[in-house]
């Protein structure tokens, strides 16, 4: 944008180097050039500012393919103004003498012109291609047809415009068709994703099965070891019981042997005592019998009076322990008779 300053009734304009100024006075070109600065009177002046730099423009064209499907083509092109005077006579680049800004939007009009010039070659290219081919490789085909068409456009040359570059950004169908075209690929990708998921699940199941098998094998091994432990413990208990039984048997045998020895010793002692006692009794009996025999021999030769006196003597020694004594007349009479006869005999 040109910078315009005011000094009383005069104006001073200073342009950028990439802007060409066309100054008209009374309908005639009075001054022109890029990046100029000068004083002028506003009442008799008309000033155009034409950019000489590269200008980029992006637009979208909607056409139909060979199979009558709507396609949107986004194009970005760069162009420049090579003849500012021709462009200024065809497009309004006039600036306000107070603000220095364009009174209209010349670049938008130029973008509309380039869009109109590009529409015909794009349409002809798409009408020769079905939708799938246009979407797949239409960008390169359209650019190959569009670049020479725009460079050789006579109307653009008459307006002092020249194409710098053209680029086809994208060629896309409408949303429903694009979704339908994406469906097979999406389904294939989804199928691969499902297969990957299934494979991952199968691998997870396989790993889980392996883990379960390992756990089961571990449990079986633990059970086997537990069984061996139980058997070993039972064997140890049986061995302990056997050892205890053997020890008890040995203890019982030792006790029985001790008791047998003791019983045998006691038997021998009892037998010895019995033999001793029997021998003592026999000797005592023999002694008593001998004594009785001798007494009997003595008594057999003794007179009756001596026998009676000895009997009375024995009686007197036992009379203290006799509770009852029965004396018959026969006994006393016989005794008295014998006593009397003895006295008379003397």
C-alpha atoms as a PDB file:
ATOM      1  CA  UNK A   1       0.000   0.000   0.000  1.00  0.00           C
ATOM      2  CA  UNK A   2       1.338   3.439  -0.957  1.00  0.00           C
ATOM      3  CA  UNK A   3       1.913   6.004   1.749  1.00  0.00           C
ATOM      4  CA  UNK A   4       0.292   9.396   1.083  1.00  0.00           C
ATOM      5  CA  UNK A   5       0.913  12.399   3.291  1.00  0.00           C
ATOM      6  CA  UNK A   6      -0.877  15.762   3.145  1.00  0.00           C
ATOM      7  CA  UNK A   7       0.722  19.234   3.124  1.00  0.00           C
ATOM      8  CA  UNK A   8      -1.893  21.943   2.747  1.00  0.00           C
ATOM      9  CA  UNK A   9      -3.482  21.407  -0.655  1.00  0.00           C
ATOM     10  CA  UNK A  10      -0.661  19.132  -1.917  1.00  0.00           C
ATOM     11  CA  UNK A  11      -0.085  15.394  -1.478  1.00  0.00           C
ATOM     12  CA  UNK A  12       3.121  13.397  -1.243  1.00  0.00           C
ATOM     13  CA  UNK A  13       3.147   9.750  -2.399  1.00  0.00           C
ATOM     14  CA  UNK A  14       5.778   7.123  -1.651  1.00  0.00           C
ATOM     15  CA  UNK A  15       5.419   3.616  -3.121  1.00  0.00           C
ATOM     16  CA  UNK A  16       7.085   0.311  -2.249  1.00  0.00           C
ATOM     17  CA  UNK A  17       9.669  -1.147  -4.660  1.00  0.00           C
ATOM     18  CA  UNK A  18       7.352  -4.071  -5.520  1.00  0.00           C
ATOM     19  CA  UNK A  19       4.527  -1.721  -6.471  1.00  0.00           C
ATOM     20  CA  UNK A  20       4.324   0.144  -9.779  1.00  0.00           C
ATOM     21  CA  UNK A  21       2.633   3.529  -9.672  1.00  0.00           C
ATOM     22  CA  UNK A  22       0.693   4.855 -12.684  1.00  0.00           C
ATOM     23  CA  UNK A  23      -0.103   8.538 -12.231  1.00  0.00           C
ATOM     24  CA  UNK A  24      -2.672   9.999 -14.607  1.00  0.00           C
ATOM     25  CA  UNK A  25      -3.288  13.695 -14.986  1.00  0.00           C
ATOM     26  CA  UNK A  26      -6.295  14.863 -16.994  1.00  0.00           C
ATOM     27  CA  UNK A  27      -6.678  11.336 -18.442  1.00  0.00           C
ATOM     28  CA  UNK A  28      -3.101  10.939 -19.579  1.00  0.00           C
ATOM     29  CA  UNK A  29      -0.281   8.954 -18.030  1.00  0.00           C
ATOM     30  CA  UNK A  30       1.967  11.537 -16.439  1.00  0.00           C
ATOM     31  CA  UNK A  31       4.258   9.414 -14.280  1.00  0.00           C
ATOM     32  CA  UNK A  32       4.944   5.704 -13.763  1.00  0.00           C
ATOM     33  CA  UNK A  33       7.478   3.447 -12.111  1.00  0.00           C
ATOM     34  CA  UNK A  34       8.029   1.104  -9.161  1.00  0.00           C
ATOM     35  CA  UNK A  35       8.866   2.558  -5.749  1.00  0.00           C
ATOM     36  CA  UNK A  36       8.652   6.212  -6.803  1.00  0.00           C
ATOM     37  CA  UNK A  37       7.994   9.193  -4.524  1.00  0.00           C
ATOM     38  CA  UNK A  38       6.692  12.598  -5.589  1.00  0.00           C
ATOM     39  CA  UNK A  39       4.392  15.542  -4.874  1.00  0.00           C
ATOM     40  CA  UNK A  40       1.125  15.961  -6.707  1.00  0.00           C
ATOM     41  CA  UNK A  41      -2.091  17.931  -6.692  1.00  0.00           C
ATOM     42  CA  UNK A  42      -5.059  15.691  -5.838  1.00  0.00           C
ATOM     43  CA  UNK A  43      -7.715  17.570  -7.770  1.00  0.00           C
ATOM     44  CA  UNK A  44      -6.250  16.670 -11.179  1.00  0.00           C
ATOM     45  CA  UNK A  45      -4.691  13.277 -10.427  1.00  0.00           C
ATOM     46  CA  UNK A  46      -5.692   9.599 -10.618  1.00  0.00           C
ATOM     47  CA  UNK A  47      -3.197   7.097  -9.191  1.00  0.00           C
ATOM     48  CA  UNK A  48      -3.043   3.356  -9.861  1.00  0.00           C
ATOM     49  CA  UNK A  49      -0.944   0.970  -7.804  1.00  0.00           C
ATOM     50  CA  UNK A  50      -0.124  -2.269  -9.675  1.00  0.00           C
ATOM     51  CA  UNK A  51       1.865  -5.015  -7.880  1.00  0.00           C
ATOM     52  CA  UNK A  52       4.816  -6.343  -9.824  1.00  0.00           C
ATOM     53  CA  UNK A  53       5.606  -9.133  -7.329  1.00  0.00           C
ATOM     54  CA  UNK A  54       4.437 -12.738  -7.685  1.00  0.00           C
ATOM     55  CA  UNK A  55       0.824 -13.118  -6.635  1.00  0.00           C
ATOM     56  CA  UNK A  56      -0.554 -16.442  -5.367  1.00  0.00           C
ATOM     57  CA  UNK A  57      -4.160 -17.406  -5.837  1.00  0.00           C
ATOM     58  CA  UNK A  58      -6.031 -20.522  -4.675  1.00  0.00           C
ATOM     59  CA  UNK A  59      -9.458 -21.539  -5.929  1.00  0.00           C
ATOM     60  CA  UNK A  60     -11.646 -24.655  -6.201  1.00  0.00           C
ATOM     61  CA  UNK A  61     -13.302 -25.864  -9.405  1.00  0.00           C
ATOM     62  CA  UNK A  62     -16.197 -28.328  -9.343  1.00  0.00           C
ATOM     63  CA  UNK A  63     -16.578 -30.428 -12.464  1.00  0.00           C
ATOM     64  CA  UNK A  64     -17.837 -33.900 -13.461  1.00  0.00           C
ATOM     65  CA  UNK A  65     -15.867 -36.957 -14.441  1.00  0.00           C
ATOM     66  CA  UNK A  66     -16.508 -39.234 -17.416  1.00  0.00           C
ATOM     67  CA  UNK A  67     -18.924 -41.293 -15.309  1.00  0.00           C
ATOM     68  CA  UNK A  68     -20.803 -38.096 -14.295  1.00  0.00           C
ATOM     69  CA  UNK A  69     -19.498 -37.921 -10.745  1.00  0.00           C
ATOM     70  CA  UNK A  70     -18.872 -34.529  -9.162  1.00  0.00           C
ATOM     71  CA  UNK A  71     -15.214 -33.785  -8.451  1.00  0.00           C
ATOM     72  CA  UNK A  72     -13.650 -30.832  -6.638  1.00  0.00           C
ATOM     73  CA  UNK A  73     -10.258 -29.674  -7.920  1.00  0.00           C
ATOM     74  CA  UNK A  74      -8.219 -27.307  -5.749  1.00  0.00           C
ATOM     75  CA  UNK A  75      -5.661 -25.282  -7.720  1.00  0.00           C
ATOM     76  CA  UNK A  76      -2.971 -22.925  -6.529  1.00  0.00           C
ATOM     77  CA  UNK A  77      -1.205 -20.764  -9.089  1.00  0.00           C
ATOM     78  CA  UNK A  78       1.284 -17.929  -9.012  1.00  0.00           C
ATOM     79  CA  UNK A  79       1.268 -15.120 -11.570  1.00  0.00           C
ATOM     80  CA  UNK A  80       2.682 -11.651 -12.035  1.00  0.00           C
ATOM     81  CA  UNK A  81       1.806  -8.430 -13.806  1.00  0.00           C
ATOM     82  CA  UNK A  82       4.340  -7.978 -16.610  1.00  0.00           C
ATOM     83  CA  UNK A  83       2.685  -4.930 -18.151  1.00  0.00           C
ATOM     84  CA  UNK A  84       1.307  -2.625 -15.487  1.00  0.00           C
ATOM     85  CA  UNK A  85      -0.261  -0.198 -17.969  1.00  0.00           C
ATOM     86  CA  UNK A  86      -2.236  -2.967 -19.735  1.00  0.00           C
ATOM     87  CA  UNK A  87      -3.353  -4.423 -16.419  1.00  0.00           C
ATOM     88  CA  UNK A  88      -4.307  -0.972 -15.113  1.00  0.00           C
ATOM     89  CA  UNK A  89      -6.490  -0.329 -18.147  1.00  0.00           C
ATOM     90  CA  UNK A  90      -8.363  -3.691 -17.705  1.00  0.00           C
ATOM     91  CA  UNK A  91      -8.535  -3.935 -13.901  1.00  0.00           C
ATOM     92  CA  UNK A  92      -9.249  -1.109 -11.495  1.00  0.00           C
ATOM     93  CA  UNK A  93      -6.051  -0.670  -9.404  1.00  0.00           C
ATOM     94  CA  UNK A  94      -6.988   2.904  -8.394  1.00  0.00           C
ATOM     95  CA  UNK A  95      -6.011   3.928  -4.852  1.00  0.00           C
ATOM     96  CA  UNK A  96      -7.623   6.489  -2.594  1.00  0.00           C
ATOM     97  CA  UNK A  97      -5.621   9.736  -2.529  1.00  0.00           C
ATOM     98  CA  UNK A  98      -6.268  10.104   1.164  1.00  0.00           C
ATOM     99  CA  UNK A  99      -5.567   6.554   2.439  1.00  0.00           C
ATOM    100  CA  UNK A 100      -3.372   5.018  -0.284  1.00  0.00           C
ATOM    101  CA  UNK A 101      -5.509   1.829  -0.298  1.00  0.00           C
ATOM    102  CA  UNK A 102      -7.259   0.279  -3.305  1.00  0.00           C
ATOM    103  CA  UNK A 103     -10.748   1.498  -3.868  1.00  0.00           C
ATOM    104  CA  UNK A 104     -11.806  -1.966  -5.091  1.00  0.00           C
ATOM    105  CA  UNK A 105     -10.368  -5.515  -4.759  1.00  0.00           C
ATOM    106  CA  UNK A 106      -8.367  -6.018  -7.949  1.00  0.00           C
ATOM    107  CA  UNK A 107      -6.612  -9.192  -6.794  1.00  0.00           C
ATOM    108  CA  UNK A 108      -9.948 -10.912  -6.196  1.00  0.00           C
ATOM    109  CA  UNK A 109     -11.037 -10.026  -9.719  1.00  0.00           C
ATOM    110  CA  UNK A 110      -7.757 -11.400 -11.080  1.00  0.00           C
ATOM    111  CA  UNK A 111      -8.286 -14.628  -9.069  1.00  0.00           C
ATOM    112  CA  UNK A 112     -11.753 -14.922 -10.583  1.00  0.00           C
ATOM    113  CA  UNK A 113     -10.310 -14.454 -14.081  1.00  0.00           C
ATOM    114  CA  UNK A 114      -7.656 -17.160 -13.541  1.00  0.00           C
ATOM    115  CA  UNK A 115     -10.347 -19.470 -12.191  1.00  0.00           C
ATOM    116  CA  UNK A 116     -12.461 -18.913 -15.286  1.00  0.00           C
ATOM    117  CA  UNK A 117      -9.508 -19.434 -17.616  1.00  0.00           C
ATOM    118  CA  UNK A 118      -8.560 -22.685 -15.799  1.00  0.00           C
ATOM    119  CA  UNK A 119     -12.078 -24.102 -15.804  1.00  0.00           C
ATOM    120  CA  UNK A 120     -12.197 -25.161 -19.461  1.00  0.00           C
ATOM    121  CA  UNK A 121      -8.970 -27.258 -19.561  1.00  0.00           C
ATOM    122  CA  UNK A 122      -9.862 -28.834 -16.218  1.00  0.00           C
ATOM    123  CA  UNK A 123     -13.333 -29.742 -17.482  1.00  0.00           C
ATOM    124  CA  UNK A 124     -12.005 -31.250 -20.692  1.00  0.00           C
ATOM    125  CA  UNK A 125      -9.435 -33.309 -18.768  1.00  0.00           C
ATOM    126  CA  UNK A 126     -11.955 -34.671 -16.251  1.00  0.00           C
ATOM    127  CA  UNK A 127     -14.549 -35.506 -18.908  1.00  0.00           C
ATOM    128  CA  UNK A 128     -12.048 -37.969 -20.378  1.00  0.00           C
ATOM    129  CA  UNK A 129     -11.410 -39.768 -17.060  1.00  0.00           C
ATOM    130  CA  UNK A 130     -13.623 -41.903 -14.834  1.00  0.00           C
ATOM    131  CA  UNK A 131     -13.920 -40.990 -11.203  1.00  0.00           C
ATOM    132  CA  UNK A 132     -11.436 -43.534  -9.858  1.00  0.00           C
ATOM    133  CA  UNK A 133      -8.731 -42.582 -12.373  1.00  0.00           C
ATOM    134  CA  UNK A 134      -9.339 -38.882 -11.784  1.00  0.00           C
ATOM    135  CA  UNK A 135      -9.003 -39.280  -8.033  1.00  0.00           C
ATOM    136  CA  UNK A 136      -6.001 -41.575  -8.326  1.00  0.00           C
ATOM    137  CA  UNK A 137      -3.913 -39.752 -10.962  1.00  0.00           C
ATOM    138  CA  UNK A 138      -6.010 -36.774 -12.017  1.00  0.00           C
ATOM    139  CA  UNK A 139      -3.822 -34.156 -10.329  1.00  0.00           C
ATOM    140  CA  UNK A 140      -0.822 -34.799 -12.564  1.00  0.00           C
ATOM    141  CA  UNK A 141      -3.034 -35.080 -15.682  1.00  0.00           C
ATOM    142  CA  UNK A 142      -4.865 -31.857 -14.906  1.00  0.00           C
ATOM    143  CA  UNK A 143      -1.644 -29.966 -14.234  1.00  0.00           C
ATOM    144  CA  UNK A 144      -0.129 -31.235 -17.464  1.00  0.00           C
ATOM    145  CA  UNK A 145      -3.133 -29.869 -19.355  1.00  0.00           C
ATOM    146  CA  UNK A 146      -3.600 -26.714 -17.316  1.00  0.00           C
ATOM    147  CA  UNK A 147      -0.057 -25.305 -17.382  1.00  0.00           C
ATOM    148  CA  UNK A 148       0.268 -24.837 -21.173  1.00  0.00           C
ATOM    149  CA  UNK A 149      -3.334 -23.677 -21.463  1.00  0.00           C
ATOM    150  CA  UNK A 150      -2.834 -20.857 -18.976  1.00  0.00           C
ATOM    151  CA  UNK A 151       0.569 -19.874 -20.306  1.00  0.00           C
ATOM    152  CA  UNK A 152      -0.824 -19.596 -23.800  1.00  0.00           C
ATOM    153  CA  UNK A 153      -3.998 -17.780 -22.793  1.00  0.00           C
ATOM    154  CA  UNK A 154      -4.367 -14.801 -25.109  1.00  0.00           C
ATOM    155  CA  UNK A 155      -6.658 -12.848 -22.825  1.00  0.00           C
ATOM    156  CA  UNK A 156      -4.121 -13.037 -20.005  1.00  0.00           C
ATOM    157  CA  UNK A 157      -1.413 -11.792 -22.340  1.00  0.00           C
ATOM    158  CA  UNK A 158      -3.616  -8.867 -23.438  1.00  0.00           C
ATOM    159  CA  UNK A 159      -4.084  -7.935 -19.789  1.00  0.00           C
ATOM    160  CA  UNK A 160      -0.314  -7.919 -19.178  1.00  0.00           C
ATOM    161  CA  UNK A 161      -0.422 -11.047 -16.979  1.00  0.00           C
ATOM    162  CA  UNK A 162       1.980 -13.993 -17.050  1.00  0.00           C
ATOM    163  CA  UNK A 163       1.738 -17.386 -15.290  1.00  0.00           C
ATOM    164  CA  UNK A 164       4.629 -18.237 -12.966  1.00  0.00           C
ATOM    165  CA  UNK A 165       3.572 -21.698 -11.746  1.00  0.00           C
ATOM    166  CA  UNK A 166       0.508 -23.841 -11.328  1.00  0.00           C
ATOM    167  CA  UNK A 167      -0.120 -26.615  -8.817  1.00  0.00           C
ATOM    168  CA  UNK A 168      -3.090 -28.953  -8.475  1.00  0.00           C
ATOM    169  CA  UNK A 169      -3.415 -29.457  -4.718  1.00  0.00           C
ATOM    170  CA  UNK A 170      -6.079 -32.149  -4.625  1.00  0.00           C
ATOM    171  CA  UNK A 171      -8.751 -33.856  -6.671  1.00  0.00           C
ATOM    172  CA  UNK A 172     -11.544 -35.175  -4.457  1.00  0.00           C
ATOM    173  CA  UNK A 173     -15.118 -36.363  -5.025  1.00  0.00           C
ATOM    174  CA  UNK A 174     -18.016 -35.378  -2.796  1.00  0.00           C
ATOM    175  CA  UNK A 175     -18.106 -36.697   0.754  1.00  0.00           C
ATOM    176  CA  UNK A 176     -20.387 -39.672   0.067  1.00  0.00           C
ATOM    177  CA  UNK A 177     -18.433 -40.836  -2.990  1.00  0.00           C
ATOM    178  CA  UNK A 178     -15.132 -40.305  -1.198  1.00  0.00           C
ATOM    179  CA  UNK A 179     -16.391 -42.365   1.720  1.00  0.00           C
ATOM    180  CA  UNK A 180     -17.542 -45.097  -0.655  1.00  0.00           C
ATOM    181  CA  UNK A 181     -14.153 -45.086  -2.395  1.00  0.00           C
ATOM    182  CA  UNK A 182     -12.401 -45.235   0.960  1.00  0.00           C
ATOM    183  CA  UNK A 183     -14.574 -48.094   2.150  1.00  0.00           C
ATOM    184  CA  UNK A 184     -12.685 -50.985   0.428  1.00  0.00           C
ATOM    185  CA  UNK A 185      -9.358 -49.653   1.634  1.00  0.00           C
ATOM    186  CA  UNK A 186     -10.805 -48.928   5.034  1.00  0.00           C
ATOM    187  CA  UNK A 187     -12.342 -52.396   5.153  1.00  0.00           C
ATOM    188  CA  UNK A 188      -9.053 -53.957   4.047  1.00  0.00           C
ATOM    189  CA  UNK A 189      -7.215 -51.981   6.704  1.00  0.00           C
ATOM    190  CA  UNK A 190      -9.891 -52.900   9.223  1.00  0.00           C
ATOM    191  CA  UNK A 191      -9.622 -56.523   8.142  1.00  0.00           C
ATOM    192  CA  UNK A 192      -5.875 -56.408   8.631  1.00  0.00           C
ATOM    193  CA  UNK A 193      -6.435 -54.725  11.973  1.00  0.00           C
ATOM    194  CA  UNK A 194      -8.968 -57.427  12.879  1.00  0.00           C
ATOM    195  CA  UNK A 195      -6.544 -60.108  11.747  1.00  0.00           C
ATOM    196  CA  UNK A 196      -3.856 -58.475  13.824  1.00  0.00           C
ATOM    197  CA  UNK A 197      -6.291 -58.303  16.735  1.00  0.00           C
ATOM    198  CA  UNK A 198      -7.281 -61.937  16.226  1.00  0.00           C
ATOM    199  CA  UNK A 199      -3.631 -62.916  15.943  1.00  0.00           C
ATOM    200  CA  UNK A 200      -2.863 -60.952  19.069  1.00  0.00           C
ATOM    201  CA  UNK A 201      -5.803 -62.561  20.845  1.00  0.00           C
ATOM    202  CA  UNK A 202      -4.803 -65.999  19.561  1.00  0.00           C
ATOM    203  CA  UNK A 203      -1.259 -65.347  20.715  1.00  0.00           C
ATOM    204  CA  UNK A 204      -2.598 -64.147  24.055  1.00  0.00           C
ATOM    205  CA  UNK A 205      -4.800 -67.257  24.302  1.00  0.00           C
ATOM    206  CA  UNK A 206      -1.836 -69.431  23.348  1.00  0.00           C
ATOM    207  CA  UNK A 207       0.314 -67.723  25.938  1.00  0.00           C
ATOM    208  CA  UNK A 208      -2.466 -68.022  28.486  1.00  0.00           C
ATOM    209  CA  UNK A 209      -2.822 -71.708  27.618  1.00  0.00           C
ATOM    210  CA  UNK A 210       0.929 -72.132  28.003  1.00  0.00           C
ATOM    211  CA  UNK A 211       0.742 -70.328  31.329  1.00  0.00           C
ATOM    212  CA  UNK A 212      -2.167 -72.557  32.417  1.00  0.00           C
ATOM    213  CA  UNK A 213      -0.253 -75.637  31.304  1.00  0.00           C
ATOM    214  CA  UNK A 214       2.786 -74.451  33.214  1.00  0.00           C
ATOM    215  CA  UNK A 215       0.616 -73.768  36.242  1.00  0.00           C
ATOM    216  CA  UNK A 216      -1.019 -77.198  35.880  1.00  0.00           C
ATOM    217  CA  UNK A 217       2.370 -78.855  35.437  1.00  0.00           C
ATOM    218  CA  UNK A 218       3.576 -76.958  38.481  1.00  0.00           C
ATOM    219  CA  UNK A 219       0.532 -78.084  40.455  1.00  0.00           C
ATOM    220  CA  UNK A 220       1.051 -81.679  39.283  1.00  0.00           C
ATOM    221  CA  UNK A 221       4.705 -81.485  40.237  1.00  0.00           C
ATOM    222  CA  UNK A 222       3.779 -79.980  43.587  1.00  0.00           C
ATOM    223  CA  UNK A 223       1.153 -82.690  44.094  1.00  0.00           C
ATOM    224  CA  UNK A 224       3.709 -85.350  43.183  1.00  0.00           C
ATOM    225  CA  UNK A 225       6.217 -83.862  45.572  1.00  0.00           C
ATOM    226  CA  UNK A 226       3.476 -83.570  48.186  1.00  0.00           C
ATOM    227  CA  UNK A 227       2.672 -87.248  47.630  1.00  0.00           C
ATOM    228  CA  UNK A 228       6.352 -88.117  47.931  1.00  0.00           C
ATOM    229  CA  UNK A 229       6.520 -85.988  51.046  1.00  0.00           C
ATOM    230  CA  UNK A 230       3.479 -87.740  52.508  1.00  0.00           C
ATOM    231  CA  UNK A 231       4.921 -91.108  51.627  1.00  0.00           C
ATOM    232  CA  UNK A 232       8.259 -90.121  53.102  1.00  0.00           C
ATOM    233  CA  UNK A 233       6.565 -88.792  56.222  1.00  0.00           C
ATOM    234  CA  UNK A 234       4.505 -92.011  56.487  1.00  0.00           C
ATOM    235  CA  UNK A 235       7.654 -94.045  55.959  1.00  0.00           C
ATOM    236  CA  UNK A 236       9.402 -91.954  58.575  1.00  0.00           C
ATOM    237  CA  UNK A 237       6.481 -92.377  60.981  1.00  0.00           C
ATOM    238  CA  UNK A 238       6.393 -96.133  60.254  1.00  0.00           C
ATOM    239  CA  UNK A 239      10.135 -96.342  60.796  1.00  0.00           C
ATOM    240  CA  UNK A 240       9.730 -94.309  63.963  1.00  0.00           C
ATOM    241  CA  UNK A 241       6.892 -96.601  65.108  1.00  0.00           C
ATOM    242  CA  UNK A 242       8.965 -99.627  64.265  1.00  0.00           C
ATOM    243  CA  UNK A 243      11.912 -98.198  66.093  1.00  0.00           C
ATOM    244  CA  UNK A 244       9.677 -97.313  69.035  1.00  0.00           C
ATOM    245  CA  UNK A 245       8.115-100.806  68.914  1.00  0.00           C
ATOM    246  CA  UNK A 246      11.560-102.353  68.708  1.00  0.00           C
ATOM    247  CA  UNK A 247      12.710-100.197  71.567  1.00  0.00           C
ATOM    248  CA  UNK A 248       9.608-101.064  73.555  1.00  0.00           C
ATOM    249  CA  UNK A 249      10.020-104.741  72.673  1.00  0.00           C
ATOM    250  CA  UNK A 250      13.625-104.600  73.764  1.00  0.00           C
ATOM    251  CA  UNK A 251      12.544-102.747  76.898  1.00  0.00           C
ATOM    252  CA  UNK A 252       9.793-105.312  77.533  1.00  0.00           C
ATOM    253  CA  UNK A 253      12.190-108.169  76.843  1.00  0.00           C
ATOM    254  CA  UNK A 254      14.748-106.575  79.119  1.00  0.00           C
ATOM    255  CA  UNK A 255      12.056-106.003  81.744  1.00  0.00           C
ATOM    256  CA  UNK A 256      10.806-109.586  81.300  1.00  0.00           C
ATOM    257  CA  UNK A 257      14.333-110.840  81.458  1.00  0.00           C
ATOM    258  CA  UNK A 258      14.940-108.773  84.594  1.00  0.00           C
ATOM    259  CA  UNK A 259      11.660-109.962  86.054  1.00  0.00           C
ATOM    260  CA  UNK A 260      12.534-113.570  85.021  1.00  0.00           C
ATOM    261  CA  UNK A 261      15.908-113.233  86.620  1.00  0.00           C
ATOM    262  CA  UNK A 262      14.302-111.654  89.659  1.00  0.00           C
ATOM    263  CA  UNK A 263      11.593-114.340  89.715  1.00  0.00           C
ATOM    264  CA  UNK A 264      14.204-117.015  89.293  1.00  0.00           C
ATOM    265  CA  UNK A 265      16.273-115.473  92.037  1.00  0.00           C
ATOM    266  CA  UNK A 266      13.176-115.128  94.187  1.00  0.00           C
ATOM    267  CA  UNK A 267      12.244-118.738  93.360  1.00  0.00           C
ATOM    268  CA  UNK A 268      15.711-119.854  94.228  1.00  0.00           C
ATOM    269  CA  UNK A 269      15.569-117.825  97.412  1.00  0.00           C
ATOM    270  CA  UNK A 270      12.112-119.173  98.242  1.00  0.00           C
ATOM    271  CA  UNK A 271      13.228-122.673  97.401  1.00  0.00           C
ATOM    272  CA  UNK A 272      16.326-122.235  99.446  1.00  0.00           C
ATOM    273  CA  UNK A 273      14.303-120.770 102.310  1.00  0.00           C
ATOM    274  CA  UNK A 274      11.705-123.537 101.923  1.00  0.00           C
ATOM    275  CA  UNK A 275      14.419-126.198 101.864  1.00  0.00           C
ATOM    276  CA  UNK A 276      16.083-124.532 104.844  1.00  0.00           C
ATOM    277  CA  UNK A 277      12.817-124.202 106.725  1.00  0.00           C
ATOM    278  CA  UNK A 278      11.853-127.792 105.846  1.00  0.00           C
ATOM    279  CA  UNK A 279      15.269-128.996 106.929  1.00  0.00           C
ATOM    280  CA  UNK A 280      15.013-126.972 110.106  1.00  0.00           C
ATOM    281  CA  UNK A 281      11.532-128.308 110.787  1.00  0.00           C
ATOM    282  CA  UNK A 282      12.699-131.828 110.038  1.00  0.00           C
ATOM    283  CA  UNK A 283      15.635-131.414 112.368  1.00  0.00           C
ATOM    284  CA  UNK A 284      13.356-129.849 114.981  1.00  0.00           C
ATOM    285  CA  UNK A 285      10.820-132.632 114.516  1.00  0.00           C
ATOM    286  CA  UNK A 286      13.567-135.206 114.710  1.00  0.00           C
ATOM    287  CA  UNK A 287      14.792-133.540 117.867  1.00  0.00           C
ATOM    288  CA  UNK A 288      11.307-133.395 119.319  1.00  0.00           C
ATOM    289  CA  UNK A 289      10.632-136.986 118.291  1.00  0.00           C
ATOM    290  CA  UNK A 290      13.918-138.027 119.855  1.00  0.00           C
ATOM    291  CA  UNK A 291      13.023-136.124 122.980  1.00  0.00           C
ATOM    292  CA  UNK A 292       9.559-137.641 123.039  1.00  0.00           C
ATOM    293  CA  UNK A 293      11.018-141.071 122.421  1.00  0.00           C
ATOM    294  CA  UNK A 294      13.393-140.595 125.285  1.00  0.00           C
ATOM    295  CA  UNK A 295      10.592-139.306 127.462  1.00  0.00           C
ATOM    296  CA  UNK A 296       8.478-142.193 126.422  1.00  0.00           C
ATOM    297  CA  UNK A 297      11.309-144.541 127.352  1.00  0.00           C
ATOM    298  CA  UNK A 298      11.672-142.749 130.624  1.00  0.00           C
ATOM    299  CA  UNK A 299       7.959-142.746 131.235  1.00  0.00           C
ATOM    300  CA  UNK A 300       7.551-146.378 130.259  1.00  0.00           C
ATOM    301  CA  UNK A 301       9.827-147.468 133.094  1.00  0.00           C
ATOM    302  CA  UNK A 302       8.624-144.908 135.643  1.00  0.00           C
ATOM    303  CA  UNK A 303       6.086-145.815 138.312  1.00  0.00           C
ATOM    304  CA  UNK A 304       2.549-144.424 138.081  1.00  0.00           C
ATOM    305  CA  UNK A 305       3.069-142.033 140.894  1.00  0.00           C
ATOM    306  CA  UNK A 306       5.884-140.331 139.067  1.00  0.00           C
ATOM    307  CA  UNK A 307       3.790-140.167 135.968  1.00  0.00           C
ATOM    308  CA  UNK A 308       0.979-138.648 137.966  1.00  0.00           C
ATOM    309  CA  UNK A 309       3.247-136.121 139.516  1.00  0.00           C
ATOM    310  CA  UNK A 310       4.675-135.166 136.182  1.00  0.00           C
ATOM    311  CA  UNK A 311       1.138-134.803 134.820  1.00  0.00           C
ATOM    312  CA  UNK A 312       0.159-132.618 137.679  1.00  0.00           C
ATOM    313  CA  UNK A 313       3.257-130.598 137.148  1.00  0.00           C
ATOM    314  CA  UNK A 314       2.330-130.089 133.501  1.00  0.00           C
ATOM    315  CA  UNK A 315      -1.204-129.292 134.534  1.00  0.00           C
ATOM    316  CA  UNK A 316      -0.057-126.719 136.964  1.00  0.00           C
ATOM    317  CA  UNK A 317       1.959-125.014 134.236  1.00  0.00           C
ATOM    318  CA  UNK A 318      -1.096-124.849 131.930  1.00  0.00           C
ATOM    319  CA  UNK A 319      -3.810-124.183 134.485  1.00  0.00           C
ATOM    320  CA  UNK A 320      -3.639-120.434 134.017  1.00  0.00           C
ATOM    321  CA  UNK A 321      -4.746-120.732 130.400  1.00  0.00           C
ATOM    322  CA  UNK A 322      -7.554-123.218 130.972  1.00  0.00           C
ATOM    323  CA  UNK A 323     -10.969-121.591 131.065  1.00  0.00           C
ATOM    324  CA  UNK A 324     -13.111-124.679 131.759  1.00  0.00           C
ATOM    325  CA  UNK A 325     -12.144-127.984 133.348  1.00  0.00           C
ATOM    326  CA  UNK A 326     -14.454-130.932 133.722  1.00  0.00           C
ATOM    327  CA  UNK A 327     -13.367-133.453 136.372  1.00  0.00           C
ATOM    328  CA  UNK A 328     -15.355-136.682 136.472  1.00  0.00           C
ATOM    329  CA  UNK A 329     -15.740-138.844 139.549  1.00  0.00           C
ATOM    330  CA  UNK A 330     -14.179-141.725 137.760  1.00  0.00           C
ATOM    331  CA  UNK A 331     -11.012-139.766 137.195  1.00  0.00           C
ATOM    332  CA  UNK A 332     -10.789-138.576 140.734  1.00  0.00           C
ATOM    333  CA  UNK A 333     -11.751-141.907 142.190  1.00  0.00           C
ATOM    334  CA  UNK A 334      -9.188-143.722 140.139  1.00  0.00           C
ATOM    335  CA  UNK A 335      -6.539-141.211 141.102  1.00  0.00           C
ATOM    336  CA  UNK A 336      -7.419-141.291 144.765  1.00  0.00           C
ATOM    337  CA  UNK A 337      -7.498-145.069 144.770  1.00  0.00           C
ATOM    338  CA  UNK A 338      -4.104-145.234 143.260  1.00  0.00           C
ATOM    339  CA  UNK A 339      -2.849-142.641 145.709  1.00  0.00           C
ATOM    340  CA  UNK A 340      -4.229-144.606 148.661  1.00  0.00           C
ATOM    341  CA  UNK A 341      -2.823-147.868 147.496  1.00  0.00           C
ATOM    342  CA  UNK A 342       0.532-146.273 147.146  1.00  0.00           C
ATOM    343  CA  UNK A 343       0.384-144.855 150.603  1.00  0.00           C
ATOM    344  CA  UNK A 344      -0.633-148.165 152.094  1.00  0.00           C
ATOM    345  CA  UNK A 345       2.034-150.005 150.289  1.00  0.00           C
ATOM    346  CA  UNK A 346       4.589-147.880 151.796  1.00  0.00           C
END
